Amino acid sequence: MAKLKVIAACGSGMGSSQIIKMKLEKVFKKLGLEAEIYHTNVGDAKSQANNYDVVFCSESLVGTFTGTKAKVIGLKNLLAEKEMEEKIKANIVDA
């Protein structure tokens, strides 16, 4: 599988998206997947989503990305590596 381009988006700013990014890096590495992960706010992420393979954001923000070609994965708990791993396996590895 080619290196994935991933956005970690949060509602307001950069703090939580940076944490999501660090957690995603850890999970992708654990799963043996190469990913280039960018983090930003949801507005910026929406405008750039078509340039990426996957968007990770809060479940409440998933609707923001309607119409983008990126696969959008909503997270209930933005800090739960277990949930990230399950969703990566379900949506990316097996897809």
PDB file of N, CA and C in Angstrom:
ATOM      1  N   MET A   1       0.846  -1.184   0.000  1.00  0.00           N
ATOM      2  CA  MET A   1       0.000   0.000   0.000  1.00  0.00           C
ATOM      3  C   MET A   1       0.888   1.242   0.000  1.00  0.00           C
ATOM      4  N   ALA A   2       0.505   2.221  -0.824  1.00  0.00           N
ATOM      5  CA  ALA A   2       1.270   3.468  -0.896  1.00  0.00           C
ATOM      6  C   ALA A   2       1.109   4.265   0.393  1.00  0.00           C
ATOM      7  N   LYS A   3       2.008   5.195   0.581  1.00  0.00           N
ATOM      8  CA  LYS A   3       1.934   6.056   1.775  1.00  0.00           C
ATOM      9  C   LYS A   3       0.629   6.847   1.728  1.00  0.00           C
ATOM     10  N   LEU A   4      -0.111   6.797   2.816  1.00  0.00           N
ATOM     11  CA  LEU A   4      -1.384   7.505   2.900  1.00  0.00           C
ATOM     12  C   LEU A   4      -1.167   8.961   3.282  1.00  0.00           C
ATOM     13  N   LYS A   5      -1.992   9.822   2.709  1.00  0.00           N
ATOM     14  CA  LYS A   5      -1.992  11.230   3.105  1.00  0.00           C
ATOM     15  C   LYS A   5      -3.210  11.418   3.996  1.00  0.00           C
ATOM     16  N   VAL A   6      -2.968  11.855   5.223  1.00  0.00           N
ATOM     17  CA  VAL A   6      -4.004  11.904   6.248  1.00  0.00           C
ATOM     18  C   VAL A   6      -4.087  13.305   6.857  1.00  0.00           C
ATOM     19  N   ILE A   7      -5.324  13.768   7.114  1.00  0.00           N
ATOM     20  CA  ILE A   7      -5.521  15.011   7.868  1.00  0.00           C
ATOM     21  C   ILE A   7      -6.177  14.652   9.193  1.00  0.00           C
ATOM     22  N   ALA A   8      -5.653  15.218  10.267  1.00  0.00           N
ATOM     23  CA  ALA A   8      -6.300  15.159  11.577  1.00  0.00           C
ATOM     24  C   ALA A   8      -6.893  16.540  11.810  1.00  0.00           C
ATOM     25  N   ALA A   9      -8.229  16.617  11.883  1.00  0.00           N
ATOM     26  CA  ALA A   9      -8.892  17.910  12.004  1.00  0.00           C
ATOM     27  C   ALA A   9      -9.628  18.035  13.326  1.00  0.00           C
ATOM     28  N   CYS A  10      -9.570  19.226  13.899  1.00  0.00           N
ATOM     29  CA  CYS A  10     -10.361  19.483  15.096  1.00  0.00           C
ATOM     30  C   CYS A  10     -11.192  20.735  14.862  1.00  0.00           C
ATOM     31  N   GLY A  11     -12.176  20.931  15.694  1.00  0.00           N
ATOM     32  CA  GLY A  11     -13.134  22.004  15.483  1.00  0.00           C
ATOM     33  C   GLY A  11     -12.563  23.398  15.500  1.00  0.00           C
ATOM     34  N   SER A  12     -11.696  23.679  16.443  1.00  0.00           N
ATOM     35  CA  SER A  12     -11.303  25.069  16.609  1.00  0.00           C
ATOM     36  C   SER A  12      -9.890  25.366  16.169  1.00  0.00           C
ATOM     37  N   GLY A  13      -8.954  24.710  16.770  1.00  0.00           N
ATOM     38  CA  GLY A  13      -7.583  25.131  16.497  1.00  0.00           C
ATOM     39  C   GLY A  13      -6.639  23.975  16.307  1.00  0.00           C
ATOM     40  N   MET A  14      -5.457  24.173  16.809  1.00  0.00           N
ATOM     41  CA  MET A  14      -4.387  23.238  16.506  1.00  0.00           C
ATOM     42  C   MET A  14      -4.053  22.298  17.654  1.00  0.00           C
ATOM     43  N   GLY A  15      -4.448  22.620  18.858  1.00  0.00           N
ATOM     44  CA  GLY A  15      -4.053  21.814  20.009  1.00  0.00           C
ATOM     45  C   GLY A  15      -4.517  20.385  19.939  1.00  0.00           C
ATOM     46  N   SER A  16      -5.814  20.185  19.828  1.00  0.00           N
ATOM     47  CA  SER A  16      -6.302  18.802  19.831  1.00  0.00           C
ATOM     48  C   SER A  16      -5.936  18.078  18.543  1.00  0.00           C
ATOM     49  N   SER A  17      -5.882  18.801  17.417  1.00  0.00           N
ATOM     50  CA  SER A  17      -5.492  18.124  16.176  1.00  0.00           C
ATOM     51  C   SER A  17      -4.037  17.646  16.245  1.00  0.00           C
ATOM     52  N   GLN A  18      -3.184  18.390  16.946  1.00  0.00           N
ATOM     53  CA  GLN A  18      -1.788  17.959  17.132  1.00  0.00           C
ATOM     54  C   GLN A  18      -1.737  16.675  17.955  1.00  0.00           C
ATOM     55  N   ILE A  19      -2.565  16.594  18.974  1.00  0.00           N
ATOM     56  CA  ILE A  19      -2.616  15.380  19.801  1.00  0.00           C
ATOM     57  C   ILE A  19      -3.155  14.211  18.978  1.00  0.00           C
ATOM     58  N   ILE A  20      -4.211  14.449  18.202  1.00  0.00           N
ATOM     59  CA  ILE A  20      -4.760  13.394  17.336  1.00  0.00           C
ATOM     60  C   ILE A  20      -3.667  12.918  16.383  1.00  0.00           C
ATOM     61  N   LYS A  21      -2.943  13.867  15.793  1.00  0.00           N
ATOM     62  CA  LYS A  21      -1.864  13.524  14.856  1.00  0.00           C
ATOM     63  C   LYS A  21      -0.837  12.602  15.515  1.00  0.00           C
ATOM     64  N   MET A  22      -0.408  12.947  16.725  1.00  0.00           N
ATOM     65  CA  MET A  22       0.605  12.130  17.411  1.00  0.00           C
ATOM     66  C   MET A  22       0.071  10.721  17.702  1.00  0.00           C
ATOM     67  N   LYS A  23      -1.194  10.649  18.100  1.00  0.00           N
ATOM     68  CA  LYS A  23      -1.796   9.337  18.369  1.00  0.00           C
ATOM     69  C   LYS A  23      -1.916   8.536  17.082  1.00  0.00           C
ATOM     70  N   LEU A  24      -2.339   9.187  15.999  1.00  0.00           N
ATOM     71  CA  LEU A  24      -2.465   8.494  14.708  1.00  0.00           C
ATOM     72  C   LEU A  24      -1.116   7.977  14.228  1.00  0.00           C
ATOM     73  N   GLU A  25      -0.070   8.784  14.390  1.00  0.00           N
ATOM     74  CA  GLU A  25       1.269   8.341  13.975  1.00  0.00           C
ATOM     75  C   GLU A  25       1.647   7.052  14.698  1.00  0.00           C
ATOM     76  N   LYS A  26       1.366   7.015  15.983  1.00  0.00           N
ATOM     77  CA  LYS A  26       1.672   5.842  16.796  1.00  0.00           C
ATOM     78  C   LYS A  26       0.892   4.615  16.308  1.00  0.00           C
ATOM     79  N   VAL A  27      -0.411   4.810  16.027  1.00  0.00           N
ATOM     80  CA  VAL A  27      -1.275   3.696  15.607  1.00  0.00           C
ATOM     81  C   VAL A  27      -0.893   3.210  14.207  1.00  0.00           C
ATOM     82  N   PHE A  28      -0.667   4.141  13.266  1.00  0.00           N
ATOM     83  CA  PHE A  28      -0.259   3.731  11.918  1.00  0.00           C
ATOM     84  C   PHE A  28       1.043   2.947  11.972  1.00  0.00           C
ATOM     85  N   LYS A  29       1.987   3.413  12.784  1.00  0.00           N
ATOM     86  CA  LYS A  29       3.269   2.712  12.920  1.00  0.00           C
ATOM     87  C   LYS A  29       3.057   1.308  13.477  1.00  0.00           C
ATOM     88  N   LYS A  30       2.218   1.203  14.511  1.00  0.00           N
ATOM     89  CA  LYS A  30       1.919  -0.095  15.123  1.00  0.00           C
ATOM     90  C   LYS A  30       1.341  -1.064  14.098  1.00  0.00           C
ATOM     91  N   LEU A  31       0.507  -0.525  13.179  1.00  0.00           N
ATOM     92  CA  LEU A  31      -0.133  -1.363  12.157  1.00  0.00           C
ATOM     93  C   LEU A  31       0.764  -1.583  10.930  1.00  0.00           C
ATOM     94  N   GLY A  32       1.937  -0.969  10.942  1.00  0.00           N
ATOM     95  CA  GLY A  32       2.862  -1.142   9.819  1.00  0.00           C
ATOM     96  C   GLY A  32       2.441  -0.398   8.568  1.00  0.00           C
ATOM     97  N   LEU A  33       1.681   0.683   8.742  1.00  0.00           N
ATOM     98  CA  LEU A  33       1.221   1.476   7.600  1.00  0.00           C
ATOM     99  C   LEU A  33       1.993   2.787   7.541  1.00  0.00           C
ATOM    100  N   GLU A  34       2.361   3.185   6.326  1.00  0.00           N
ATOM    101  CA  GLU A  34       3.046   4.463   6.160  1.00  0.00           C
ATOM    102  C   GLU A  34       2.009   5.544   5.959  1.00  0.00           C
ATOM    103  N   ALA A  35       2.117   6.619   6.711  1.00  0.00           N
ATOM    104  CA  ALA A  35       1.177   7.724   6.571  1.00  0.00           C
ATOM    105  C   ALA A  35       1.883   9.049   6.813  1.00  0.00           C
ATOM    106  N   GLU A  36       1.546  10.010   5.971  1.00  0.00           N
ATOM    107  CA  GLU A  36       2.005  11.386   6.142  1.00  0.00           C
ATOM    108  C   GLU A  36       0.812  12.114   6.751  1.00  0.00           C
ATOM    109  N   ILE A  37       0.945  12.596   7.984  1.00  0.00           N
ATOM    110  CA  ILE A  37      -0.202  13.142   8.704  1.00  0.00           C
ATOM    111  C   ILE A  37      -0.035  14.642   8.924  1.00  0.00           C
ATOM    112  N   TYR A  38      -1.058  15.363   8.518  1.00  0.00           N
ATOM    113  CA  TYR A  38      -1.110  16.810   8.634  1.00  0.00           C
ATOM    114  C   TYR A  38      -2.221  17.137   9.623  1.00  0.00           C
ATOM    115  N   HIS A  39      -2.056  18.162  10.426  1.00  0.00           N
ATOM    116  CA  HIS A  39      -3.125  18.511  11.366  1.00  0.00           C
ATOM    117  C   HIS A  39      -3.516  19.967  11.205  1.00  0.00           C
ATOM    118  N   THR A  40      -4.823  20.237  11.346  1.00  0.00           N
ATOM    119  CA  THR A  40      -5.320  21.593  11.167  1.00  0.00           C
ATOM    120  C   THR A  40      -6.729  21.724  11.728  1.00  0.00           C
ATOM    121  N   ASN A  41      -7.308  22.917  11.596  1.00  0.00           N
ATOM    122  CA  ASN A  41      -8.700  23.107  12.016  1.00  0.00           C
ATOM    123  C   ASN A  41      -9.637  22.605  10.921  1.00  0.00           C
ATOM    124  N   VAL A  42     -10.901  22.457  11.249  1.00  0.00           N
ATOM    125  CA  VAL A  42     -11.847  21.828  10.334  1.00  0.00           C
ATOM    126  C   VAL A  42     -12.070  22.650   9.060  1.00  0.00           C
ATOM    127  N   GLY A  43     -12.038  23.975   9.152  1.00  0.00           N
ATOM    128  CA  GLY A  43     -12.231  24.804   7.965  1.00  0.00           C
ATOM    129  C   GLY A  43     -11.131  24.592   6.941  1.00  0.00           C
ATOM    130  N   ASP A  44      -9.895  24.607   7.403  1.00  0.00           N
ATOM    131  CA  ASP A  44      -8.746  24.376   6.530  1.00  0.00           C
ATOM    132  C   ASP A  44      -8.774  22.948   5.987  1.00  0.00           C
ATOM    133  N   ALA A  45      -9.113  22.000   6.851  1.00  0.00           N
ATOM    134  CA  ALA A  45      -9.161  20.596   6.437  1.00  0.00           C
ATOM    135  C   ALA A  45     -10.193  20.396   5.333  1.00  0.00           C
ATOM    136  N   LYS A  46     -11.354  21.029   5.475  1.00  0.00           N
ATOM    137  CA  LYS A  46     -12.403  20.888   4.454  1.00  0.00           C
ATOM    138  C   LYS A  46     -11.925  21.403   3.103  1.00  0.00           C
ATOM    139  N   SER A  47     -11.230  22.535   3.105  1.00  0.00           N
ATOM    140  CA  SER A  47     -10.774  23.110   1.840  1.00  0.00           C
ATOM    141  C   SER A  47      -9.665  22.272   1.191  1.00  0.00           C
ATOM    142  N   GLN A  48      -8.967  21.470   1.991  1.00  0.00           N
ATOM    143  CA  GLN A  48      -7.864  20.673   1.451  1.00  0.00           C
ATOM    144  C   GLN A  48      -8.157  19.176   1.357  1.00  0.00           C
ATOM    145  N   ALA A  49      -9.325  18.756   1.802  1.00  0.00           N
ATOM    146  CA  ALA A  49      -9.617  17.320   1.940  1.00  0.00           C
ATOM    147  C   ALA A  49      -9.436  16.533   0.649  1.00  0.00           C
ATOM    148  N   ASN A  50      -9.747  17.136  -0.507  1.00  0.00           N
ATOM    149  CA  ASN A  50      -9.620  16.402  -1.769  1.00  0.00           C
ATOM    150  C   ASN A  50      -8.177  16.070  -2.129  1.00  0.00           C
ATOM    151  N   ASN A  51      -7.229  16.680  -1.443  1.00  0.00           N
ATOM    152  CA  ASN A  51      -5.816  16.388  -1.683  1.00  0.00           C
ATOM    153  C   ASN A  51      -5.298  15.269  -0.775  1.00  0.00           C
ATOM    154  N   TYR A  52      -6.190  14.714   0.031  1.00  0.00           N
ATOM    155  CA  TYR A  52      -5.798  13.699   1.011  1.00  0.00           C
ATOM    156  C   TYR A  52      -6.600  12.418   0.814  1.00  0.00           C
ATOM    157  N   ASP A  53      -6.077  11.328   1.361  1.00  0.00           N
ATOM    158  CA  ASP A  53      -6.770  10.035   1.287  1.00  0.00           C
ATOM    159  C   ASP A  53      -7.781   9.875   2.412  1.00  0.00           C
ATOM    160  N   VAL A  54      -7.423  10.347   3.598  1.00  0.00           N
ATOM    161  CA  VAL A  54      -8.246  10.110   4.788  1.00  0.00           C
ATOM    162  C   VAL A  54      -8.289  11.363   5.655  1.00  0.00           C
ATOM    163  N   VAL A  55      -9.473  11.616   6.231  1.00  0.00           N
ATOM    164  CA  VAL A  55      -9.640  12.688   7.206  1.00  0.00           C
ATOM    165  C   VAL A  55     -10.103  12.055   8.515  1.00  0.00           C
ATOM    166  N   PHE A  56      -9.434  12.356   9.603  1.00  0.00           N
ATOM    167  CA  PHE A  56      -9.881  11.945  10.941  1.00  0.00           C
ATOM    168  C   PHE A  56     -10.392  13.187  11.649  1.00  0.00           C
ATOM    169  N   CYS A  57     -11.596  13.090  12.232  1.00  0.00           N
ATOM    170  CA  CYS A  57     -12.157  14.209  12.974  1.00  0.00           C
ATOM    171  C   CYS A  57     -13.167  13.670  13.982  1.00  0.00           C
ATOM    172  N   SER A  58     -13.699  14.547  14.791  1.00  0.00           N
ATOM    173  CA  SER A  58     -14.750  14.168  15.720  1.00  0.00           C
ATOM    174  C   SER A  58     -15.977  13.718  14.934  1.00  0.00           C
ATOM    175  N   GLU A  59     -16.718  12.747  15.467  1.00  0.00           N
ATOM    176  CA  GLU A  59     -17.931  12.295  14.790  1.00  0.00           C
ATOM    177  C   GLU A  59     -18.868  13.456  14.485  1.00  0.00           C
ATOM    178  N   SER A  60     -18.889  14.460  15.349  1.00  0.00           N
ATOM    179  CA  SER A  60     -19.793  15.597  15.154  1.00  0.00           C
ATOM    180  C   SER A  60     -19.405  16.457  13.955  1.00  0.00           C
ATOM    181  N   LEU A  61     -18.187  16.283  13.436  1.00  0.00           N
ATOM    182  CA  LEU A  61     -17.716  17.098  12.309  1.00  0.00           C
ATOM    183  C   LEU A  61     -17.750  16.358  10.975  1.00  0.00           C
ATOM    184  N   VAL A  62     -18.120  15.089  10.981  1.00  0.00           N
ATOM    185  CA  VAL A  62     -18.078  14.280   9.756  1.00  0.00           C
ATOM    186  C   VAL A  62     -18.891  14.923   8.632  1.00  0.00           C
ATOM    187  N   GLY A  63     -20.083  15.454   8.954  1.00  0.00           N
ATOM    188  CA  GLY A  63     -20.945  16.067   7.939  1.00  0.00           C
ATOM    189  C   GLY A  63     -20.319  17.246   7.227  1.00  0.00           C
ATOM    190  N   THR A  64     -19.335  17.867   7.845  1.00  0.00           N
ATOM    191  CA  THR A  64     -18.631  19.005   7.255  1.00  0.00           C
ATOM    192  C   THR A  64     -17.935  18.600   5.958  1.00  0.00           C
ATOM    193  N   PHE A  65     -17.581  17.332   5.845  1.00  0.00           N
ATOM    194  CA  PHE A  65     -16.767  16.869   4.710  1.00  0.00           C
ATOM    195  C   PHE A  65     -17.585  16.211   3.604  1.00  0.00           C
ATOM    196  N   THR A  66     -18.906  16.393   3.611  1.00  0.00           N
ATOM    197  CA  THR A  66     -19.754  15.841   2.561  1.00  0.00           C
ATOM    198  C   THR A  66     -19.269  16.335   1.207  1.00  0.00           C
ATOM    199  N   GLY A  67     -19.142  15.415   0.256  1.00  0.00           N
ATOM    200  CA  GLY A  67     -18.733  15.799  -1.090  1.00  0.00           C
ATOM    201  C   GLY A  67     -17.244  15.759  -1.339  1.00  0.00           C
ATOM    202  N   THR A  68     -16.447  15.446  -0.328  1.00  0.00           N
ATOM    203  CA  THR A  68     -15.004  15.344  -0.556  1.00  0.00           C
ATOM    204  C   THR A  68     -14.681  13.907  -0.940  1.00  0.00           C
ATOM    205  N   LYS A  69     -13.615  13.742  -1.699  1.00  0.00           N
ATOM    206  CA  LYS A  69     -13.269  12.382  -2.131  1.00  0.00           C
ATOM    207  C   LYS A  69     -12.484  11.610  -1.067  1.00  0.00           C
ATOM    208  N   ALA A  70     -12.004  12.318  -0.069  1.00  0.00           N
ATOM    209  CA  ALA A  70     -11.261  11.650   1.010  1.00  0.00           C
ATOM    210  C   ALA A  70     -12.222  10.779   1.824  1.00  0.00           C
ATOM    211  N   LYS A  71     -11.694   9.691   2.366  1.00  0.00           N
ATOM    212  CA  LYS A  71     -12.470   8.879   3.301  1.00  0.00           C
ATOM    213  C   LYS A  71     -12.471   9.608   4.634  1.00  0.00           C
ATOM    214  N   VAL A  72     -13.670   9.840   5.177  1.00  0.00           N
ATOM    215  CA  VAL A  72     -13.788  10.594   6.426  1.00  0.00           C
ATOM    216  C   VAL A  72     -14.116   9.626   7.556  1.00  0.00           C
ATOM    217  N   ILE A  73     -13.282   9.633   8.578  1.00  0.00           N
ATOM    218  CA  ILE A  73     -13.458   8.734   9.718  1.00  0.00           C
ATOM    219  C   ILE A  73     -13.715   9.574  10.959  1.00  0.00           C
ATOM    220  N   GLY A  74     -14.906   9.402  11.518  1.00  0.00           N
ATOM    221  CA  GLY A  74     -15.281  10.129  12.720  1.00  0.00           C
ATOM    222  C   GLY A  74     -14.885   9.354  13.962  1.00  0.00           C
ATOM    223  N   LEU A  75     -14.384  10.060  14.941  1.00  0.00           N
ATOM    224  CA  LEU A  75     -13.963   9.441  16.199  1.00  0.00           C
ATOM    225  C   LEU A  75     -14.867   9.905  17.335  1.00  0.00           C
ATOM    226  N   LYS A  76     -15.328   8.960  18.146  1.00  0.00           N
ATOM    227  CA  LYS A  76     -16.101   9.303  19.349  1.00  0.00           C
ATOM    228  C   LYS A  76     -15.177   9.939  20.383  1.00  0.00           C
ATOM    229  N   ASN A  77     -14.030   9.284  20.599  1.00  0.00           N
ATOM    230  CA  ASN A  77     -13.046   9.767  21.573  1.00  0.00           C
ATOM    231  C   ASN A  77     -11.767  10.090  20.805  1.00  0.00           C
ATOM    232  N   LEU A  78     -11.480  11.373  20.688  1.00  0.00           N
ATOM    233  CA  LEU A  78     -10.335  11.808  19.882  1.00  0.00           C
ATOM    234  C   LEU A  78      -8.990  11.351  20.422  1.00  0.00           C
ATOM    235  N   LEU A  79      -8.953  10.863  21.649  1.00  0.00           N
ATOM    236  CA  LEU A  79      -7.690  10.453  22.251  1.00  0.00           C
ATOM    237  C   LEU A  79      -7.561   8.941  22.394  1.00  0.00           C
ATOM    238  N   ALA A  80      -8.530   8.192  21.901  1.00  0.00           N
ATOM    239  CA  ALA A  80      -8.533   6.745  22.097  1.00  0.00           C
ATOM    240  C   ALA A  80      -7.803   6.035  20.964  1.00  0.00           C
ATOM    241  N   GLU A  81      -6.585   5.588  21.250  1.00  0.00           N
ATOM    242  CA  GLU A  81      -5.802   4.880  20.240  1.00  0.00           C
ATOM    243  C   GLU A  81      -6.490   3.589  19.823  1.00  0.00           C
ATOM    244  N   LYS A  82      -7.169   2.937  20.773  1.00  0.00           N
ATOM    245  CA  LYS A  82      -7.872   1.688  20.452  1.00  0.00           C
ATOM    246  C   LYS A  82      -8.953   1.944  19.395  1.00  0.00           C
ATOM    247  N   GLU A  83      -9.719   3.008  19.547  1.00  0.00           N
ATOM    248  CA  GLU A  83     -10.752   3.341  18.566  1.00  0.00           C
ATOM    249  C   GLU A  83     -10.114   3.679  17.219  1.00  0.00           C
ATOM    250  N   MET A  84      -9.025   4.437  17.229  1.00  0.00           N
ATOM    251  CA  MET A  84      -8.327   4.766  15.987  1.00  0.00           C
ATOM    252  C   MET A  84      -7.874   3.496  15.282  1.00  0.00           C
ATOM    253  N   GLU A  85      -7.283   2.595  16.045  1.00  0.00           N
ATOM    254  CA  GLU A  85      -6.793   1.346  15.462  1.00  0.00           C
ATOM    255  C   GLU A  85      -7.936   0.545  14.847  1.00  0.00           C
ATOM    256  N   GLU A  86      -9.058   0.423  15.565  1.00  0.00           N
ATOM    257  CA  GLU A  86     -10.209  -0.320  15.049  1.00  0.00           C
ATOM    258  C   GLU A  86     -10.732   0.312  13.760  1.00  0.00           C
ATOM    259  N   LYS A  87     -10.819   1.629  13.739  1.00  0.00           N
ATOM    260  CA  LYS A  87     -11.375   2.317  12.567  1.00  0.00           C
ATOM    261  C   LYS A  87     -10.409   2.280  11.381  1.00  0.00           C
ATOM    262  N   ILE A  88      -9.101   2.324  11.644  1.00  0.00           N
ATOM    263  CA  ILE A  88      -8.120   2.185  10.572  1.00  0.00           C
ATOM    264  C   ILE A  88      -8.220   0.788   9.977  1.00  0.00           C
ATOM    265  N   LYS A  89      -8.300  -0.214  10.844  1.00  0.00           N
ATOM    266  CA  LYS A  89      -8.419  -1.596  10.349  1.00  0.00           C
ATOM    267  C   LYS A  89      -9.692  -1.772   9.522  1.00  0.00           C
ATOM    268  N   ALA A  90     -10.807  -1.232  10.002  1.00  0.00           N
ATOM    269  CA  ALA A  90     -12.092  -1.404   9.323  1.00  0.00           C
ATOM    270  C   ALA A  90     -12.199  -0.599   8.026  1.00  0.00           C
ATOM    271  N   ASN A  91     -11.643   0.602   8.003  1.00  0.00           N
ATOM    272  CA  ASN A  91     -11.853   1.505   6.884  1.00  0.00           C
ATOM    273  C   ASN A  91     -10.693   1.613   5.904  1.00  0.00           C
ATOM    274  N   ILE A  92      -9.507   1.247   6.354  1.00  0.00           N
ATOM    275  CA  ILE A  92      -8.344   1.432   5.473  1.00  0.00           C
ATOM    276  C   ILE A  92      -7.694   0.099   5.132  1.00  0.00           C
ATOM    277  N   VAL A  93      -7.372  -0.686   6.140  1.00  0.00           N
ATOM    278  CA  VAL A  93      -6.651  -1.940   5.907  1.00  0.00           C
ATOM    279  C   VAL A  93      -7.515  -2.920   5.120  1.00  0.00           C
ATOM    280  N   ASP A  94      -8.761  -3.070   5.531  1.00  0.00           N
ATOM    281  CA  ASP A  94      -9.640  -4.051   4.889  1.00  0.00           C
ATOM    282  C   ASP A  94     -10.400  -3.494   3.693  1.00  0.00           C
ATOM    283  N   ALA A  95     -10.323  -2.199   3.501  1.00  0.00           N
ATOM    284  CA  ALA A  95     -11.119  -1.557   2.432  1.00  0.00           C
ATOM    285  C   ALA A  95     -10.589  -1.917   1.056  1.00  0.00           C
TER     286      ALA A  95
END
